[in-house]
Amino acid sequence: MKHLALQLQNYRLTTAEILYHLPDHPDILQTFIWQEYDLLPNFPELHKFLNFWAHNIEGRMHSVTVSHVNLIKPSEFKYTPYSLSLH
């Protein structure tokens, strides 16, 4: 129910792929996937997480790729040209 309430407040499922340098091997990149409901276009939840990462996690970020999806959208309804009767 919490997720539906967030969606009704314009939050959308947001996914961020974070590439970061391993602390012990800085030439090697590792991937971390973050997913949460967030507000577009400013992404306050993502910025809060990235700020936490920058101050508390040793792996230096290389890049962040963000995608989002509108989960609440009109349903698709297609008419079929067939009729069927059941006895």
PDB file of N, CA and C in Angstrom:
ATOM      1  N   MET A   1       0.820  -1.194   0.000  1.00  0.00           N
ATOM      2  CA  MET A   1       0.000   0.000   0.000  1.00  0.00           C
ATOM      3  C   MET A   1       0.866   1.261   0.000  1.00  0.00           C
ATOM      4  N   LYS A   2       2.010   1.186   0.677  1.00  0.00           N
ATOM      5  CA  LYS A   2       2.902   2.339   0.744  1.00  0.00           C
ATOM      6  C   LYS A   2       3.358   2.771  -0.654  1.00  0.00           C
ATOM      7  N   HIS A   3       3.685   1.785  -1.502  1.00  0.00           N
ATOM      8  CA  HIS A   3       4.176   2.103  -2.847  1.00  0.00           C
ATOM      9  C   HIS A   3       3.094   2.750  -3.703  1.00  0.00           C
ATOM     10  N   LEU A   4       1.877   2.293  -3.571  1.00  0.00           N
ATOM     11  CA  LEU A   4       0.774   2.900  -4.314  1.00  0.00           C
ATOM     12  C   LEU A   4       0.562   4.338  -3.874  1.00  0.00           C
ATOM     13  N   ALA A   5       0.632   4.589  -2.578  1.00  0.00           N
ATOM     14  CA  ALA A   5       0.482   5.957  -2.063  1.00  0.00           C
ATOM     15  C   ALA A   5       1.580   6.864  -2.617  1.00  0.00           C
ATOM     16  N   LEU A   6       2.805   6.358  -2.699  1.00  0.00           N
ATOM     17  CA  LEU A   6       3.900   7.152  -3.269  1.00  0.00           C
ATOM     18  C   LEU A   6       3.655   7.445  -4.739  1.00  0.00           C
ATOM     19  N   GLN A   7       3.176   6.450  -5.485  1.00  0.00           N
ATOM     20  CA  GLN A   7       2.911   6.649  -6.909  1.00  0.00           C
ATOM     21  C   GLN A   7       1.822   7.693  -7.125  1.00  0.00           C
ATOM     22  N   LEU A   8       0.842   7.707  -6.245  1.00  0.00           N
ATOM     23  CA  LEU A   8      -0.229   8.695  -6.363  1.00  0.00           C
ATOM     24  C   LEU A   8       0.267  10.107  -6.045  1.00  0.00           C
ATOM     25  N   GLN A   9       1.416  10.201  -5.380  1.00  0.00           N
ATOM     26  CA  GLN A   9       2.037  11.501  -5.100  1.00  0.00           C
ATOM     27  C   GLN A   9       3.101  11.838  -6.143  1.00  0.00           C
ATOM     28  N   ASN A  10       3.056  11.174  -7.283  1.00  0.00           N
ATOM     29  CA  ASN A  10       3.951  11.411  -8.421  1.00  0.00           C
ATOM     30  C   ASN A  10       5.340  10.802  -8.272  1.00  0.00           C
ATOM     31  N   TYR A  11       5.561   9.936  -7.301  1.00  0.00           N
ATOM     32  CA  TYR A  11       6.826   9.218  -7.215  1.00  0.00           C
ATOM     33  C   TYR A  11       6.826   8.130  -8.284  1.00  0.00           C
ATOM     34  N   ARG A  12       7.987   7.869  -8.862  1.00  0.00           N
ATOM     35  CA  ARG A  12       8.123   6.848  -9.894  1.00  0.00           C
ATOM     36  C   ARG A  12       9.285   5.931  -9.534  1.00  0.00           C
ATOM     37  N   LEU A  13       9.174   4.665  -9.955  1.00  0.00           N
ATOM     38  CA  LEU A  13      10.244   3.721  -9.694  1.00  0.00           C
ATOM     39  C   LEU A  13      11.491   4.165 -10.459  1.00  0.00           C
ATOM     40  N   THR A  14      12.556   4.382  -9.727  1.00  0.00           N
ATOM     41  CA  THR A  14      13.798   4.894 -10.304  1.00  0.00           C
ATOM     42  C   THR A  14      14.907   3.882 -10.044  1.00  0.00           C
ATOM     43  N   THR A  15      15.684   3.599 -11.058  1.00  0.00           N
ATOM     44  CA  THR A  15      16.811   2.680 -10.943  1.00  0.00           C
ATOM     45  C   THR A  15      18.075   3.417 -11.341  1.00  0.00           C
ATOM     46  N   ALA A  16      19.101   3.274 -10.519  1.00  0.00           N
ATOM     47  CA  ALA A  16      20.398   3.890 -10.819  1.00  0.00           C
ATOM     48  C   ALA A  16      21.462   2.799 -10.846  1.00  0.00           C
ATOM     49  N   GLU A  17      22.236   2.781 -11.908  1.00  0.00           N
ATOM     50  CA  GLU A  17      23.385   1.891 -11.992  1.00  0.00           C
ATOM     51  C   GLU A  17      24.615   2.732 -11.671  1.00  0.00           C
ATOM     52  N   ILE A  18      25.282   2.379 -10.592  1.00  0.00           N
ATOM     53  CA  ILE A  18      26.443   3.144 -10.128  1.00  0.00           C
ATOM     54  C   ILE A  18      27.697   2.321 -10.410  1.00  0.00           C
ATOM     55  N   LEU A  19      28.583   2.875 -11.224  1.00  0.00           N
ATOM     56  CA  LEU A  19      29.891   2.261 -11.437  1.00  0.00           C
ATOM     57  C   LEU A  19      30.865   2.946 -10.486  1.00  0.00           C
ATOM     58  N   TYR A  20      31.613   2.137  -9.743  1.00  0.00           N
ATOM     59  CA  TYR A  20      32.557   2.720  -8.794  1.00  0.00           C
ATOM     60  C   TYR A  20      33.873   1.949  -8.808  1.00  0.00           C
ATOM     61  N   HIS A  21      34.918   2.625  -8.370  1.00  0.00           N
ATOM     62  CA  HIS A  21      36.251   2.030  -8.302  1.00  0.00           C
ATOM     63  C   HIS A  21      36.371   1.222  -7.014  1.00  0.00           C
ATOM     64  N   LEU A  22      36.893   0.005  -7.116  1.00  0.00           N
ATOM     65  CA  LEU A  22      37.122  -0.784  -5.911  1.00  0.00           C
ATOM     66  C   LEU A  22      38.191  -0.100  -5.062  1.00  0.00           C
ATOM     67  N   PRO A  23      37.981   0.012  -3.757  1.00  0.00           N
ATOM     68  CA  PRO A  23      38.958   0.711  -2.907  1.00  0.00           C
ATOM     69  C   PRO A  23      40.356   0.084  -2.949  1.00  0.00           C
ATOM     70  N   ASP A  24      40.443  -1.250  -2.950  1.00  0.00           N
ATOM     71  CA  ASP A  24      41.751  -1.910  -2.940  1.00  0.00           C
ATOM     72  C   ASP A  24      42.384  -2.027  -4.321  1.00  0.00           C
ATOM     73  N   HIS A  25      41.554  -1.927  -5.367  1.00  0.00           N
ATOM     74  CA  HIS A  25      42.031  -2.041  -6.751  1.00  0.00           C
ATOM     75  C   HIS A  25      41.363  -0.936  -7.576  1.00  0.00           C
ATOM     76  N   PRO A  26      41.858   0.290  -7.498  1.00  0.00           N
ATOM     77  CA  PRO A  26      41.183   1.424  -8.133  1.00  0.00           C
ATOM     78  C   PRO A  26      41.061   1.353  -9.649  1.00  0.00           C
ATOM     79  N   ASP A  27      41.801   0.456 -10.298  1.00  0.00           N
ATOM     80  CA  ASP A  27      41.684   0.320 -11.749  1.00  0.00           C
ATOM     81  C   ASP A  27      40.514  -0.570 -12.157  1.00  0.00           C
ATOM     82  N   ILE A  28      39.871  -1.225 -11.190  1.00  0.00           N
ATOM     83  CA  ILE A  28      38.763  -2.128 -11.469  1.00  0.00           C
ATOM     84  C   ILE A  28      37.449  -1.444 -11.089  1.00  0.00           C
ATOM     85  N   LEU A  29      36.480  -1.521 -11.999  1.00  0.00           N
ATOM     86  CA  LEU A  29      35.157  -0.945 -11.741  1.00  0.00           C
ATOM     87  C   LEU A  29      34.183  -2.035 -11.316  1.00  0.00           C
ATOM     88  N   GLN A  30      33.329  -1.693 -10.372  1.00  0.00           N
ATOM     89  CA  GLN A  30      32.286  -2.590  -9.877  1.00  0.00           C
ATOM     90  C   GLN A  30      30.943  -1.903 -10.095  1.00  0.00           C
ATOM     91  N   THR A  31      29.883  -2.686 -10.234  1.00  0.00           N
ATOM     92  CA  THR A  31      28.539  -2.139 -10.446  1.00  0.00           C
ATOM     93  C   THR A  31      27.694  -2.310  -9.193  1.00  0.00           C
ATOM     94  N   PHE A  32      26.924  -1.271  -8.869  1.00  0.00           N
ATOM     95  CA  PHE A  32      25.944  -1.332  -7.790  1.00  0.00           C
ATOM     96  C   PHE A  32      24.622  -0.830  -8.361  1.00  0.00           C
ATOM     97  N   ILE A  33      23.535  -1.561  -8.102  1.00  0.00           N
ATOM     98  CA  ILE A  33      22.211  -1.160  -8.574  1.00  0.00           C
ATOM     99  C   ILE A  33      21.401  -0.647  -7.391  1.00  0.00           C
ATOM    100  N   TRP A  34      20.885   0.562  -7.526  1.00  0.00           N
ATOM    101  CA  TRP A  34      20.030   1.178  -6.509  1.00  0.00           C
ATOM    102  C   TRP A  34      18.648   1.360  -7.112  1.00  0.00           C
ATOM    103  N   GLN A  35      17.596   1.017  -6.339  1.00  0.00           N
ATOM    104  CA  GLN A  35      16.240   1.174  -6.853  1.00  0.00           C
ATOM    105  C   GLN A  35      15.336   1.656  -5.729  1.00  0.00           C
ATOM    106  N   GLU A  36      14.564   2.698  -6.026  1.00  0.00           N
ATOM    107  CA  GLU A  36      13.674   3.299  -5.033  1.00  0.00           C
ATOM    108  C   GLU A  36      12.640   4.147  -5.756  1.00  0.00           C
ATOM    109  N   TYR A  37      11.558   4.480  -5.076  1.00  0.00           N
ATOM    110  CA  TYR A  37      10.588   5.421  -5.624  1.00  0.00           C
ATOM    111  C   TYR A  37      11.117   6.827  -5.406  1.00  0.00           C
ATOM    112  N   ASP A  38      11.095   7.647  -6.452  1.00  0.00           N
ATOM    113  CA  ASP A  38      11.684   8.980  -6.377  1.00  0.00           C
ATOM    114  C   ASP A  38      10.876   9.952  -7.234  1.00  0.00           C
ATOM    115  N   LEU A  39      11.072  11.237  -6.973  1.00  0.00           N
ATOM    116  CA  LEU A  39      10.372  12.294  -7.707  1.00  0.00           C
ATOM    117  C   LEU A  39      11.209  12.777  -8.878  1.00  0.00           C
ATOM    118  N   LEU A  40      10.569  12.914 -10.013  1.00  0.00           N
ATOM    119  CA  LEU A  40      11.225  13.441 -11.202  1.00  0.00           C
ATOM    120  C   LEU A  40      11.012  14.945 -11.255  1.00  0.00           C
ATOM    121  N   PRO A  41      11.836  15.738 -11.808  1.00  0.00           N
ATOM    122  CA  PRO A  41      13.122  15.436 -12.445  1.00  0.00           C
ATOM    123  C   PRO A  41      14.313  15.624 -11.510  1.00  0.00           C
ATOM    124  N   ASN A  42      14.077  16.021 -10.243  1.00  0.00           N
ATOM    125  CA  ASN A  42      15.187  16.354  -9.346  1.00  0.00           C
ATOM    126  C   ASN A  42      15.781  15.161  -8.597  1.00  0.00           C
ATOM    127  N   PHE A  43      15.047  14.058  -8.492  1.00  0.00           N
ATOM    128  CA  PHE A  43      15.506  12.837  -7.840  1.00  0.00           C
ATOM    129  C   PHE A  43      16.083  13.081  -6.440  1.00  0.00           C
ATOM    130  N   PRO A  44      15.288  13.604  -5.505  1.00  0.00           N
ATOM    131  CA  PRO A  44      15.823  13.905  -4.166  1.00  0.00           C
ATOM    132  C   PRO A  44      16.299  12.668  -3.409  1.00  0.00           C
ATOM    133  N   GLU A  45      15.613  11.529  -3.550  1.00  0.00           N
ATOM    134  CA  GLU A  45      16.032  10.311  -2.849  1.00  0.00           C
ATOM    135  C   GLU A  45      17.372   9.809  -3.390  1.00  0.00           C
ATOM    136  N   LEU A  46      17.542   9.858  -4.688  1.00  0.00           N
ATOM    137  CA  LEU A  46      18.806   9.434  -5.296  1.00  0.00           C
ATOM    138  C   LEU A  46      19.938  10.355  -4.864  1.00  0.00           C
ATOM    139  N   HIS A  47      19.691  11.658  -4.859  1.00  0.00           N
ATOM    140  CA  HIS A  47      20.729  12.601  -4.425  1.00  0.00           C
ATOM    141  C   HIS A  47      21.110  12.365  -2.965  1.00  0.00           C
ATOM    142  N   LYS A  48      20.122  12.044  -2.139  1.00  0.00           N
ATOM    143  CA  LYS A  48      20.408  11.754  -0.729  1.00  0.00           C
ATOM    144  C   LYS A  48      21.302  10.515  -0.618  1.00  0.00           C
ATOM    145  N   PHE A  49      20.985   9.479  -1.424  1.00  0.00           N
ATOM    146  CA  PHE A  49      21.803   8.263  -1.400  1.00  0.00           C
ATOM    147  C   PHE A  49      23.217   8.526  -1.924  1.00  0.00           C
ATOM    148  N   LEU A  50      23.332   9.260  -3.032  1.00  0.00           N
ATOM    149  CA  LEU A  50      24.659   9.542  -3.594  1.00  0.00           C
ATOM    150  C   LEU A  50      25.487  10.400  -2.646  1.00  0.00           C
ATOM    151  N   ASN A  51      24.852  11.310  -1.935  1.00  0.00           N
ATOM    152  CA  ASN A  51      25.548  12.118  -0.935  1.00  0.00           C
ATOM    153  C   ASN A  51      26.059  11.227   0.202  1.00  0.00           C
ATOM    154  N   PHE A  52      25.206  10.290   0.648  1.00  0.00           N
ATOM    155  CA  PHE A  52      25.634   9.327   1.673  1.00  0.00           C
ATOM    156  C   PHE A  52      26.834   8.528   1.176  1.00  0.00           C
ATOM    157  N   TRP A  53      26.749   8.046  -0.066  1.00  0.00           N
ATOM    158  CA  TRP A  53      27.840   7.255  -0.656  1.00  0.00           C
ATOM    159  C   TRP A  53      29.145   8.063  -0.653  1.00  0.00           C
ATOM    160  N   ALA A  54      29.072   9.291  -1.125  1.00  0.00           N
ATOM    161  CA  ALA A  54      30.277  10.116  -1.247  1.00  0.00           C
ATOM    162  C   ALA A  54      30.965  10.353   0.100  1.00  0.00           C
ATOM    163  N   HIS A  55      30.174  10.403   1.176  1.00  0.00           N
ATOM    164  CA  HIS A  55      30.744  10.713   2.492  1.00  0.00           C
ATOM    165  C   HIS A  55      31.039   9.483   3.345  1.00  0.00           C
ATOM    166  N   ASN A  56      30.476   8.317   3.029  1.00  0.00           N
ATOM    167  CA  ASN A  56      30.600   7.167   3.922  1.00  0.00           C
ATOM    168  C   ASN A  56      31.145   5.892   3.287  1.00  0.00           C
ATOM    169  N   ILE A  57      31.241   5.831   1.978  1.00  0.00           N
ATOM    170  CA  ILE A  57      31.693   4.602   1.319  1.00  0.00           C
ATOM    171  C   ILE A  57      33.015   4.875   0.618  1.00  0.00           C
ATOM    172  N   GLU A  58      33.952   3.953   0.780  1.00  0.00           N
ATOM    173  CA  GLU A  58      35.310   4.162   0.266  1.00  0.00           C
ATOM    174  C   GLU A  58      35.401   4.132  -1.258  1.00  0.00           C
ATOM    175  N   GLY A  59      34.557   3.376  -1.925  1.00  0.00           N
ATOM    176  CA  GLY A  59      34.639   3.256  -3.381  1.00  0.00           C
ATOM    177  C   GLY A  59      34.248   4.557  -4.073  1.00  0.00           C
ATOM    178  N   ARG A  60      35.200   5.165  -4.781  1.00  0.00           N
ATOM    179  CA  ARG A  60      34.938   6.419  -5.487  1.00  0.00           C
ATOM    180  C   ARG A  60      34.064   6.160  -6.707  1.00  0.00           C
ATOM    181  N   MET A  61      32.989   6.936  -6.851  1.00  0.00           N
ATOM    182  CA  MET A  61      32.069   6.749  -7.977  1.00  0.00           C
ATOM    183  C   MET A  61      32.718   7.137  -9.299  1.00  0.00           C
ATOM    184  N   HIS A  62      32.454   6.342 -10.311  1.00  0.00           N
ATOM    185  CA  HIS A  62      32.926   6.619 -11.665  1.00  0.00           C
ATOM    186  C   HIS A  62      31.813   7.268 -12.485  1.00  0.00           C
ATOM    187  N   SER A  63      30.609   6.647 -12.470  1.00  0.00           N
ATOM    188  CA  SER A  63      29.483   7.178 -13.224  1.00  0.00           C
ATOM    189  C   SER A  63      28.176   6.642 -12.643  1.00  0.00           C
ATOM    190  N   VAL A  64      27.097   7.369 -12.932  1.00  0.00           N
ATOM    191  CA  VAL A  64      25.761   6.975 -12.491  1.00  0.00           C
ATOM    192  C   VAL A  64      24.824   7.080 -13.690  1.00  0.00           C
ATOM    193  N   THR A  65      24.119   5.989 -13.993  1.00  0.00           N
ATOM    194  CA  THR A  65      23.121   5.972 -15.059  1.00  0.00           C
ATOM    195  C   THR A  65      21.755   5.795 -14.416  1.00  0.00           C
ATOM    196  N   VAL A  66      20.819   6.690 -14.753  1.00  0.00           N
ATOM    197  CA  VAL A  66      19.505   6.694 -14.108  1.00  0.00           C
ATOM    198  C   VAL A  66      18.423   6.389 -15.135  1.00  0.00           C
ATOM    199  N   SER A  67      17.461   5.556 -14.731  1.00  0.00           N
ATOM    200  CA  SER A  67      16.279   5.309 -15.553  1.00  0.00           C
ATOM    201  C   SER A  67      15.066   5.286 -14.632  1.00  0.00           C
ATOM    202  N   HIS A  68      13.893   5.562 -15.203  1.00  0.00           N
ATOM    203  CA  HIS A  68      12.669   5.556 -14.407  1.00  0.00           C
ATOM    204  C   HIS A  68      11.524   5.095 -15.282  1.00  0.00           C
ATOM    205  N   VAL A  69      10.441   4.703 -14.633  1.00  0.00           N
ATOM    206  CA  VAL A  69       9.280   4.215 -15.365  1.00  0.00           C
ATOM    207  C   VAL A  69       8.018   4.700 -14.660  1.00  0.00           C
ATOM    208  N   ASN A  70       7.025   5.055 -15.464  1.00  0.00           N
ATOM    209  CA  ASN A  70       5.720   5.399 -14.916  1.00  0.00           C
ATOM    210  C   ASN A  70       4.948   4.107 -14.707  1.00  0.00           C
ATOM    211  N   LEU A  71       4.753   3.709 -13.465  1.00  0.00           N
ATOM    212  CA  LEU A  71       4.058   2.458 -13.193  1.00  0.00           C
ATOM    213  C   LEU A  71       2.553   2.613 -13.307  1.00  0.00           C
ATOM    214  N   ILE A  72       2.047   3.781 -12.960  1.00  0.00           N
ATOM    215  CA  ILE A  72       0.611   4.001 -13.101  1.00  0.00           C
ATOM    216  C   ILE A  72       0.383   4.621 -14.469  1.00  0.00           C
ATOM    217  N   LYS A  73      -0.278   3.875 -15.331  1.00  0.00           N
ATOM    218  CA  LYS A  73      -0.555   4.370 -16.672  1.00  0.00           C
ATOM    219  C   LYS A  73      -1.862   3.749 -17.147  1.00  0.00           C
ATOM    220  N   PRO A  74      -2.458   4.302 -18.160  1.00  0.00           N
ATOM    221  CA  PRO A  74      -3.725   3.749 -18.637  1.00  0.00           C
ATOM    222  C   PRO A  74      -3.567   2.301 -19.096  1.00  0.00           C
ATOM    223  N   SER A  75      -4.551   1.529 -18.818  1.00  0.00           N
ATOM    224  CA  SER A  75      -4.528   0.136 -19.268  1.00  0.00           C
ATOM    225  C   SER A  75      -4.762   0.064 -20.770  1.00  0.00           C
ATOM    226  N   GLU A  76      -4.206  -0.962 -21.369  1.00  0.00           N
ATOM    227  CA  GLU A  76      -4.451  -1.182 -22.789  1.00  0.00           C
ATOM    228  C   GLU A  76      -5.633  -2.129 -22.922  1.00  0.00           C
ATOM    229  N   PHE A  77      -6.569  -1.749 -23.746  1.00  0.00           N
ATOM    230  CA  PHE A  77      -7.754  -2.577 -23.973  1.00  0.00           C
ATOM    231  C   PHE A  77      -7.954  -2.681 -25.467  1.00  0.00           C
ATOM    232  N   LYS A  78      -7.954  -3.908 -25.962  1.00  0.00           N
ATOM    233  CA  LYS A  78      -8.120  -4.116 -27.400  1.00  0.00           C
ATOM    234  C   LYS A  78      -9.394  -4.907 -27.643  1.00  0.00           C
ATOM    235  N   TYR A  79     -10.166  -4.445 -28.599  1.00  0.00           N
ATOM    236  CA  TYR A  79     -11.370  -5.163 -29.002  1.00  0.00           C
ATOM    237  C   TYR A  79     -10.984  -6.269 -29.967  1.00  0.00           C
ATOM    238  N   THR A  80     -11.678  -7.378 -29.847  1.00  0.00           N
ATOM    239  CA  THR A  80     -11.447  -8.464 -30.801  1.00  0.00           C
ATOM    240  C   THR A  80     -12.666  -8.582 -31.703  1.00  0.00           C
ATOM    241  N   PRO A  81     -12.468  -8.935 -32.947  1.00  0.00           N
ATOM    242  CA  PRO A  81     -13.598  -9.013 -33.887  1.00  0.00           C
ATOM    243  C   PRO A  81     -14.373 -10.340 -33.775  1.00  0.00           C
ATOM    244  N   TYR A  82     -14.165 -11.095 -32.706  1.00  0.00           N
ATOM    245  CA  TYR A  82     -14.801 -12.408 -32.582  1.00  0.00           C
ATOM    246  C   TYR A  82     -15.868 -12.411 -31.490  1.00  0.00           C
ATOM    247  N   SER A  83     -16.823 -13.280 -31.678  1.00  0.00           N
ATOM    248  CA  SER A  83     -17.886 -13.469 -30.694  1.00  0.00           C
ATOM    249  C   SER A  83     -17.957 -14.955 -30.388  1.00  0.00           C
ATOM    250  N   LEU A  84     -18.150 -15.296 -29.113  1.00  0.00           N
ATOM    251  CA  LEU A  84     -18.160 -16.680 -28.698  1.00  0.00           C
ATOM    252  C   LEU A  84     -19.330 -16.896 -27.756  1.00  0.00           C
ATOM    253  N   SER A  85     -20.075 -17.963 -27.963  1.00  0.00           N
ATOM    254  CA  SER A  85     -21.187 -18.321 -27.087  1.00  0.00           C
ATOM    255  C   SER A  85     -20.875 -19.613 -26.374  1.00  0.00           C
ATOM    256  N   LEU A  86     -21.091 -19.635 -25.077  1.00  0.00           N
ATOM    257  CA  LEU A  86     -20.901 -20.842 -24.291  1.00  0.00           C
ATOM    258  C   LEU A  86     -22.248 -21.361 -23.832  1.00  0.00           C
ATOM    259  N   HIS A  87     -22.429 -22.656 -23.877  1.00  0.00           N
ATOM    260  CA  HIS A  87     -23.702 -23.260 -23.449  1.00  0.00           C
ATOM    261  C   HIS A  87     -23.737 -23.430 -21.969  1.00  0.00           C
TER     262      HIS A  87
END
